[in-house]
PDB file of N, CA and C in Angstrom:
ATOM      1  N   MET A   1     139.407 124.383  24.625  1.00  0.00           N
ATOM      2  CA  MET A   1     138.854 125.150  23.527  1.00  0.00           C
ATOM      3  C   MET A   1     137.815 124.286  22.822  1.00  0.00           C
ATOM      4  N   SER A   2     136.716 124.919  22.477  1.00  0.00           N
ATOM      5  CA  SER A   2     135.640 124.234  21.781  1.00  0.00           C
ATOM      6  C   SER A   2     135.434 124.873  20.409  1.00  0.00           C
ATOM      7  N   ILE A   3     135.334 124.013  19.407  1.00  0.00           N
ATOM      8  CA  ILE A   3     135.035 124.477  18.045  1.00  0.00           C
ATOM      9  C   ILE A   3     133.895 123.590  17.537  1.00  0.00           C
ATOM     10  N   PRO A   4     132.654 124.062  17.665  1.00  0.00           N
ATOM     11  CA  PRO A   4     131.526 123.219  17.273  1.00  0.00           C
ATOM     12  C   PRO A   4     131.462 123.033  15.759  1.00  0.00           C
ATOM     13  N   ILE A   5     130.952 121.873  15.358  1.00  0.00           N
ATOM     14  CA  ILE A   5     130.770 121.594  13.939  1.00  0.00           C
ATOM     15  C   ILE A   5     129.593 122.440  13.442  1.00  0.00           C
ATOM     16  N   ARG A   6     129.835 123.216  12.422  1.00  0.00           N
ATOM     17  CA  ARG A   6     128.824 124.125  11.893  1.00  0.00           C
ATOM     18  C   ARG A   6     127.594 123.347  11.413  1.00  0.00           C
ATOM     19  N   GLY A   7     126.429 123.892  11.721  1.00  0.00           N
ATOM     20  CA  GLY A   7     125.181 123.296  11.273  1.00  0.00           C
ATOM     21  C   GLY A   7     124.680 122.154  12.145  1.00  0.00           C
ATOM     22  N   GLN A   8     125.399 121.854  13.217  1.00  0.00           N
ATOM     23  CA  GLN A   8     124.993 120.773  14.122  1.00  0.00           C
ATOM     24  C   GLN A   8     124.440 121.400  15.409  1.00  0.00           C
ATOM     25  N   TYR A   9     123.133 121.292  15.594  1.00  0.00           N
ATOM     26  CA  TYR A   9     122.462 121.943  16.715  1.00  0.00           C
ATOM     27  C   TYR A   9     123.055 121.525  18.058  1.00  0.00           C
ATOM     28  N   GLU A  10     123.255 120.225  18.247  1.00  0.00           N
ATOM     29  CA  GLU A  10     123.801 119.743  19.522  1.00  0.00           C
ATOM     30  C   GLU A  10     125.184 120.336  19.790  1.00  0.00           C
ATOM     31  N   GLN A  11     125.998 120.435  18.770  1.00  0.00           N
ATOM     32  CA  GLN A  11     127.330 121.027  18.917  1.00  0.00           C
ATOM     33  C   GLN A  11     127.225 122.485  19.354  1.00  0.00           C
ATOM     34  N   MET A  12     126.282 123.214  18.773  1.00  0.00           N
ATOM     35  CA  MET A  12     126.099 124.624  19.132  1.00  0.00           C
ATOM     36  C   MET A  12     125.623 124.753  20.582  1.00  0.00           C
ATOM     37  N   CYS A  13     124.729 123.862  21.004  1.00  0.00           N
ATOM     38  CA  CYS A  13     124.246 123.879  22.397  1.00  0.00           C
ATOM     39  C   CYS A  13     125.384 123.566  23.363  1.00  0.00           C
ATOM     40  N   ASN A  14     126.180 122.547  23.036  1.00  0.00           N
ATOM     41  CA  ASN A  14     127.327 122.195  23.885  1.00  0.00           C
ATOM     42  C   ASN A  14     128.297 123.351  23.990  1.00  0.00           C
ATOM     43  N   SER A  15     128.562 124.005  22.874  1.00  0.00           N
ATOM     44  CA  SER A  15     129.489 125.135  22.862  1.00  0.00           C
ATOM     45  C   SER A  15     128.962 126.283  23.724  1.00  0.00           C
ATOM     46  N   ALA A  16     127.660 126.547  23.648  1.00  0.00           N
ATOM     47  CA  ALA A  16     127.063 127.616  24.459  1.00  0.00           C
ATOM     48  C   ALA A  16     127.192 127.292  25.948  1.00  0.00           C
ATOM     49  N   ALA A  17     126.962 126.035  26.317  1.00  0.00           N
ATOM     50  CA  ALA A  17     127.096 125.636  27.722  1.00  0.00           C
ATOM     51  C   ALA A  17     128.547 125.747  28.186  1.00  0.00           C
ATOM     52  N   LEU A  18     129.468 125.310  27.348  1.00  0.00           N
ATOM     53  CA  LEU A  18     130.889 125.408  27.690  1.00  0.00           C
ATOM     54  C   LEU A  18     131.319 126.858  27.845  1.00  0.00           C
ATOM     55  N   LYS A  19     130.806 127.723  26.992  1.00  0.00           N
ATOM     56  CA  LYS A  19     131.140 129.153  27.079  1.00  0.00           C
ATOM     57  C   LYS A  19     130.674 129.724  28.421  1.00  0.00           C
ATOM     58  N   GLN A  20     129.482 129.314  28.874  1.00  0.00           N
ATOM     59  CA  GLN A  20     128.986 129.772  30.178  1.00  0.00           C
ATOM     60  C   GLN A  20     129.873 129.287  31.313  1.00  0.00           C
ATOM     61  N   MET A  21     130.560 128.173  31.104  1.00  0.00           N
ATOM     62  CA  MET A  21     131.467 127.628  32.114  1.00  0.00           C
ATOM     63  C   MET A  21     132.835 128.311  32.070  1.00  0.00           C
ATOM     64  N   GLY A  22     133.035 129.188  31.101  1.00  0.00           N
ATOM     65  CA  GLY A  22     134.297 129.903  31.001  1.00  0.00           C
ATOM     66  C   GLY A  22     135.287 129.307  30.022  1.00  0.00           C
ATOM     67  N   ILE A  23     134.832 128.361  29.210  1.00  0.00           N
ATOM     68  CA  ILE A  23     135.717 127.718  28.244  1.00  0.00           C
ATOM     69  C   ILE A  23     135.725 128.515  26.948  1.00  0.00           C
ATOM     70  N   THR A  24     136.891 128.666  26.358  1.00  0.00           N
ATOM     71  CA  THR A  24     137.036 129.385  25.103  1.00  0.00           C
ATOM     72  C   THR A  24     136.332 128.637  23.985  1.00  0.00           C
ATOM     73  N   CYS A  25     135.471 129.345  23.251  1.00  0.00           N
ATOM     74  CA  CYS A  25     134.721 128.742  22.148  1.00  0.00           C
ATOM     75  C   CYS A  25     134.928 129.572  20.885  1.00  0.00           C
ATOM     76  N   LYS A  26     135.278 128.908  19.818  1.00  0.00           N
ATOM     77  CA  LYS A  26     135.468 129.556  18.519  1.00  0.00           C
ATOM     78  C   LYS A  26     134.398 129.040  17.572  1.00  0.00           C
ATOM     79  N   GLN A  27     133.785 129.917  16.824  1.00  0.00           N
ATOM     80  CA  GLN A  27     132.757 129.495  15.884  1.00  0.00           C
ATOM     81  C   GLN A  27     133.349 129.107  14.530  1.00  0.00           C
ATOM     82  N   THR A  28     134.495 129.688  14.215  1.00  0.00           N
ATOM     83  CA  THR A  28     135.150 129.389  12.935  1.00  0.00           C
ATOM     84  C   THR A  28     136.658 129.302  13.134  1.00  0.00           C
ATOM     85  N   ILE A  29     137.299 128.692  12.181  1.00  0.00           N
ATOM     86  CA  ILE A  29     138.767 128.661  12.149  1.00  0.00           C
ATOM     87  C   ILE A  29     139.186 129.550  10.992  1.00  0.00           C
ATOM     88  N   GLY A  30     139.634 130.748  11.339  1.00  0.00           N
ATOM     89  CA  GLY A  30     140.029 131.721  10.326  1.00  0.00           C
ATOM     90  C   GLY A  30     141.534 131.803  10.177  1.00  0.00           C
ATOM     91  N   THR A  31     141.984 132.834   9.486  1.00  0.00           N
ATOM     92  CA  THR A  31     143.416 132.987   9.215  1.00  0.00           C
ATOM     93  C   THR A  31     144.230 133.223  10.486  1.00  0.00           C
ATOM     94  N   GLY A  32     143.616 133.820  11.506  1.00  0.00           N
ATOM     95  CA  GLY A  32     144.339 134.082  12.749  1.00  0.00           C
ATOM     96  C   GLY A  32     144.241 132.961  13.764  1.00  0.00           C
ATOM     97  N   PHE A  33     143.659 131.831  13.374  1.00  0.00           N
ATOM     98  CA  PHE A  33     143.433 130.746  14.333  1.00  0.00           C
ATOM     99  C   PHE A  33     144.722 130.199  14.921  1.00  0.00           C
ATOM    100  N   LYS A  34     145.761 130.086  14.105  1.00  0.00           N
ATOM    101  CA  LYS A  34     147.027 129.532  14.602  1.00  0.00           C
ATOM    102  C   LYS A  34     147.516 130.328  15.810  1.00  0.00           C
ATOM    103  N   ASN A  35     147.504 131.644  15.689  1.00  0.00           N
ATOM    104  CA  ASN A  35     147.946 132.488  16.804  1.00  0.00           C
ATOM    105  C   ASN A  35     146.995 132.390  17.992  1.00  0.00           C
ATOM    106  N   GLU A  36     145.693 132.354  17.716  1.00  0.00           N
ATOM    107  CA  GLU A  36     144.707 132.225  18.790  1.00  0.00           C
ATOM    108  C   GLU A  36     144.906 130.907  19.533  1.00  0.00           C
ATOM    109  N   PHE A  37     145.191 129.851  18.801  1.00  0.00           N
ATOM    110  CA  PHE A  37     145.395 128.545  19.418  1.00  0.00           C
ATOM    111  C   PHE A  37     146.631 128.550  20.312  1.00  0.00           C
ATOM    112  N   TYR A  38     147.732 129.110  19.809  1.00  0.00           N
ATOM    113  CA  TYR A  38     148.956 129.165  20.619  1.00  0.00           C
ATOM    114  C   TYR A  38     148.760 130.028  21.859  1.00  0.00           C
ATOM    115  N   GLU A  39     148.033 131.137  21.723  1.00  0.00           N
ATOM    116  CA  GLU A  39     147.746 131.973  22.890  1.00  0.00           C
ATOM    117  C   GLU A  39     146.928 131.195  23.914  1.00  0.00           C
ATOM    118  N   TRP A  40     145.930 130.455  23.434  1.00  0.00           N
ATOM    119  CA  TRP A  40     145.093 129.651  24.323  1.00  0.00           C
ATOM    120  C   TRP A  40     145.922 128.575  25.030  1.00  0.00           C
ATOM    121  N   MET A  41     146.808 127.916  24.292  1.00  0.00           N
ATOM    122  CA  MET A  41     147.661 126.872  24.878  1.00  0.00           C
ATOM    123  C   MET A  41     148.585 127.431  25.951  1.00  0.00           C
ATOM    124  N   ASN A  42     149.113 128.611  25.708  1.00  0.00           N
ATOM    125  CA  ASN A  42     150.076 129.212  26.640  1.00  0.00           C
ATOM    126  C   ASN A  42     149.412 129.968  27.782  1.00  0.00           C
ATOM    127  N   GLU A  43     148.117 130.174  27.688  1.00  0.00           N
ATOM    128  CA  GLU A  43     147.379 130.895  28.714  1.00  0.00           C
ATOM    129  C   GLU A  43     147.435 130.172  30.059  1.00  0.00           C
ATOM    130  N   GLY A  44     147.407 128.855  30.026  1.00  0.00           N
ATOM    131  CA  GLY A  44     147.493 128.079  31.256  1.00  0.00           C
ATOM    132  C   GLY A  44     146.236 128.097  32.103  1.00  0.00           C
ATOM    133  N   LYS A  45     145.138 128.584  31.558  1.00  0.00           N
ATOM    134  CA  LYS A  45     143.880 128.656  32.301  1.00  0.00           C
ATOM    135  C   LYS A  45     143.240 127.270  32.340  1.00  0.00           C
ATOM    136  N   THR A  46     142.906 126.822  33.537  1.00  0.00           N
ATOM    137  CA  THR A  46     142.208 125.544  33.692  1.00  0.00           C
ATOM    138  C   THR A  46     140.912 125.772  34.453  1.00  0.00           C
ATOM    139  N   ILE A  47     139.964 124.934  34.180  1.00  0.00           N
ATOM    140  CA  ILE A  47     138.675 125.003  34.859  1.00  0.00           C
ATOM    141  C   ILE A  47     138.479 123.685  35.589  1.00  0.00           C
ATOM    142  N   ARG A  48     138.230 123.775  36.882  1.00  0.00           N
ATOM    143  CA  ARG A  48     138.018 122.573  37.686  1.00  0.00           C
ATOM    144  C   ARG A  48     136.564 122.558  38.151  1.00  0.00           C
ATOM    145  N   ILE A  49     135.919 121.433  37.932  1.00  0.00           N
ATOM    146  CA  ILE A  49     134.528 121.280  38.317  1.00  0.00           C
ATOM    147  C   ILE A  49     134.395 120.009  39.142  1.00  0.00           C
ATOM    148  N   ASP A  50     133.721 120.131  40.269  1.00  0.00           N
ATOM    149  CA  ASP A  50     133.511 118.986  41.154  1.00  0.00           C
ATOM    150  C   ASP A  50     132.204 118.290  40.775  1.00  0.00           C
ATOM    151  N   TYR A  51     132.324 117.121  40.172  1.00  0.00           N
ATOM    152  CA  TYR A  51     131.151 116.345  39.787  1.00  0.00           C
ATOM    153  C   TYR A  51     130.845 115.233  40.791  1.00  0.00           C
ATOM    154  N   SER A  52     131.463 115.270  41.946  1.00  0.00           N
ATOM    155  CA  SER A  52     131.321 114.160  42.894  1.00  0.00           C
ATOM    156  C   SER A  52     129.890 113.986  43.405  1.00  0.00           C
ATOM    157  N   LYS A  53     129.095 115.018  43.383  1.00  0.00           N
ATOM    158  CA  LYS A  53     127.706 114.925  43.856  1.00  0.00           C
ATOM    159  C   LYS A  53     126.708 114.878  42.705  1.00  0.00           C
ATOM    160  N   SER A  54     127.166 114.748  41.484  1.00  0.00           N
ATOM    161  CA  SER A  54     126.257 114.852  40.345  1.00  0.00           C
ATOM    162  C   SER A  54     125.271 113.697  40.254  1.00  0.00           C
ATOM    163  N   ILE A  55     125.664 112.483  40.620  1.00  0.00           N
ATOM    164  CA  ILE A  55     124.732 111.356  40.542  1.00  0.00           C
ATOM    165  C   ILE A  55     123.591 111.519  41.548  1.00  0.00           C
ATOM    166  N   PRO A  56     123.881 111.764  42.822  1.00  0.00           N
ATOM    167  CA  PRO A  56     122.772 111.950  43.766  1.00  0.00           C
ATOM    168  C   PRO A  56     121.874 113.136  43.396  1.00  0.00           C
ATOM    169  N   LEU A  57     122.461 114.226  42.961  1.00  0.00           N
ATOM    170  CA  LEU A  57     121.653 115.393  42.588  1.00  0.00           C
ATOM    171  C   LEU A  57     120.771 115.079  41.386  1.00  0.00           C
ATOM    172  N   SER A  58     121.315 114.365  40.409  1.00  0.00           N
ATOM    173  CA  SER A  58     120.530 113.998  39.229  1.00  0.00           C
ATOM    174  C   SER A  58     119.397 113.063  39.600  1.00  0.00           C
ATOM    175  N   LEU A  59     119.693 112.069  40.444  1.00  0.00           N
ATOM    176  CA  LEU A  59     118.646 111.141  40.861  1.00  0.00           C
ATOM    177  C   LEU A  59     117.558 111.853  41.654  1.00  0.00           C
ATOM    178  N   ASN A  60     117.935 112.767  42.521  1.00  0.00           N
ATOM    179  CA  ASN A  60     116.931 113.531  43.263  1.00  0.00           C
ATOM    180  C   ASN A  60     116.064 114.344  42.323  1.00  0.00           C
ATOM    181  N   HIS A  61     116.672 114.923  41.308  1.00  0.00           N
ATOM    182  CA  HIS A  61     115.901 115.702  40.334  1.00  0.00           C
ATOM    183  C   HIS A  61     114.918 114.802  39.585  1.00  0.00           C
ATOM    184  N   VAL A  62     115.393 113.650  39.121  1.00  0.00           N
ATOM    185  CA  VAL A  62     114.552 112.728  38.367  1.00  0.00           C
ATOM    186  C   VAL A  62     113.401 112.212  39.210  1.00  0.00           C
ATOM    187  N   PHE A  63     113.685 111.861  40.467  1.00  0.00           N
ATOM    188  CA  PHE A  63     112.664 111.269  41.320  1.00  0.00           C
ATOM    189  C   PHE A  63     111.920 112.289  42.192  1.00  0.00           C
ATOM    190  N   SER A  64     112.186 113.564  42.037  1.00  0.00           N
ATOM    191  CA  SER A  64     111.590 114.576  42.913  1.00  0.00           C
ATOM    192  C   SER A  64     110.063 114.582  42.834  1.00  0.00           C
ATOM    193  N   TRP A  65     109.506 114.152  41.754  1.00  0.00           N
ATOM    194  CA  TRP A  65     108.052 114.097  41.606  1.00  0.00           C
ATOM    195  C   TRP A  65     107.428 113.019  42.478  1.00  0.00           C
ATOM    196  N   HIS A  66     108.242 112.125  43.034  1.00  0.00           N
ATOM    197  CA  HIS A  66     107.699 110.980  43.761  1.00  0.00           C
ATOM    198  C   HIS A  66     108.126 110.993  45.232  1.00  0.00           C
ATOM    199  N   GLY A  67     108.154 112.157  45.819  1.00  0.00           N
ATOM    200  CA  GLY A  67     108.436 112.265  47.245  1.00  0.00           C
ATOM    201  C   GLY A  67     109.809 111.777  47.639  1.00  0.00           C
ATOM    202  N   SER A  68     109.851 110.915  48.633  1.00  0.00           N
ATOM    203  CA  SER A  68     111.126 110.498  49.204  1.00  0.00           C
ATOM    204  C   SER A  68     111.745 109.300  48.489  1.00  0.00           C
ATOM    205  N   THR A  69     111.218 108.917  47.339  1.00  0.00           N
ATOM    206  CA  THR A  69     111.769 107.780  46.606  1.00  0.00           C
ATOM    207  C   THR A  69     113.247 107.985  46.294  1.00  0.00           C
ATOM    208  N   ALA A  70     113.597 109.177  45.899  1.00  0.00           N
ATOM    209  CA  ALA A  70     114.993 109.445  45.537  1.00  0.00           C
ATOM    210  C   ALA A  70     115.908 109.268  46.735  1.00  0.00           C
ATOM    211  N   GLU A  71     115.488 109.779  47.883  1.00  0.00           N
ATOM    212  CA  GLU A  71     116.328 109.646  49.069  1.00  0.00           C
ATOM    213  C   GLU A  71     116.513 108.178  49.456  1.00  0.00           C
ATOM    214  N   ARG A  72     115.417 107.406  49.404  1.00  0.00           N
ATOM    215  CA  ARG A  72     115.517 105.981  49.728  1.00  0.00           C
ATOM    216  C   ARG A  72     116.408 105.257  48.718  1.00  0.00           C
ATOM    217  N   PHE A  73     116.191 105.538  47.441  1.00  0.00           N
ATOM    218  CA  PHE A  73     116.943 104.864  46.385  1.00  0.00           C
ATOM    219  C   PHE A  73     118.438 105.164  46.497  1.00  0.00           C
ATOM    220  N   THR A  74     118.792 106.456  46.636  1.00  0.00           N
ATOM    221  CA  THR A  74     120.202 106.816  46.716  1.00  0.00           C
ATOM    222  C   THR A  74     120.827 106.359  48.026  1.00  0.00           C
ATOM    223  N   ALA A  75     120.037 106.319  49.113  1.00  0.00           N
ATOM    224  CA  ALA A  75     120.562 105.821  50.389  1.00  0.00           C
ATOM    225  C   ALA A  75     120.890 104.339  50.284  1.00  0.00           C
ATOM    226  N   GLU A  76     120.009 103.593  49.600  1.00  0.00           N
ATOM    227  CA  GLU A  76     120.261 102.165  49.413  1.00  0.00           C
ATOM    228  C   GLU A  76     121.543 101.922  48.619  1.00  0.00           C
ATOM    229  N   LEU A  77     121.837 102.822  47.706  1.00  0.00           N
ATOM    230  CA  LEU A  77     123.053 102.691  46.907  1.00  0.00           C
ATOM    231  C   LEU A  77     124.281 103.267  47.613  1.00  0.00           C
ATOM    232  N   GLY A  78     124.059 103.907  48.764  1.00  0.00           N
ATOM    233  CA  GLY A  78     125.163 104.495  49.505  1.00  0.00           C
ATOM    234  C   GLY A  78     125.701 105.773  48.878  1.00  0.00           C
ATOM    235  N   LEU A  79     124.837 106.491  48.144  1.00  0.00           N
ATOM    236  CA  LEU A  79     125.293 107.693  47.459  1.00  0.00           C
ATOM    237  C   LEU A  79     125.240 108.941  48.324  1.00  0.00           C
ATOM    238  N   PHE A  80     124.594 108.866  49.477  1.00  0.00           N
ATOM    239  CA  PHE A  80     124.490 110.041  50.332  1.00  0.00           C
ATOM    240  C   PHE A  80     125.279 109.895  51.613  1.00  0.00           C
ATOM    241  N   SER A  81     126.341 109.134  51.575  1.00  0.00           N
ATOM    242  CA  SER A  81     127.140 108.963  52.775  1.00  0.00           C
ATOM    243  C   SER A  81     127.825 110.278  53.106  1.00  0.00           C
ATOM    244  N   GLU A  82     127.752 110.669  54.324  1.00  0.00           N
ATOM    245  CA  GLU A  82     128.351 111.932  54.803  1.00  0.00           C
ATOM    246  C   GLU A  82     129.808 111.685  55.158  1.00  0.00           C
ATOM    247  N   SER A  83     130.687 111.834  54.180  1.00  0.00           N
ATOM    248  CA  SER A  83     132.113 111.625  54.466  1.00  0.00           C
ATOM    249  C   SER A  83     132.929 112.741  53.923  1.00  0.00           C
TER     250      SER A  83
END
C-alpha cells in the first residue's frame, strides 16, 4: 500500500507509477482507513516483478545513442550472459 505525502510531487509520481503496477494507493487517511488497511492486509495480493534484466536494459537505453557501445560495455561486465 502506498500513501504519498501530500504536496510532494515526487511522492505523487511514485504513487501513480505504483498504481499502474497494481499496487493499492490511498491519497488520504480518512475515518475508514483502519478497515481499509485490514482488508488490504488480509487480501493476500502480492506483486512479483523480475528486475534481473534491469541493469543491462538500462545501460542499453543510456548508451543507445552511441551504437554498439552498450553491448560492448555490458558484455565486458558479463551482464549479457545467456544462462
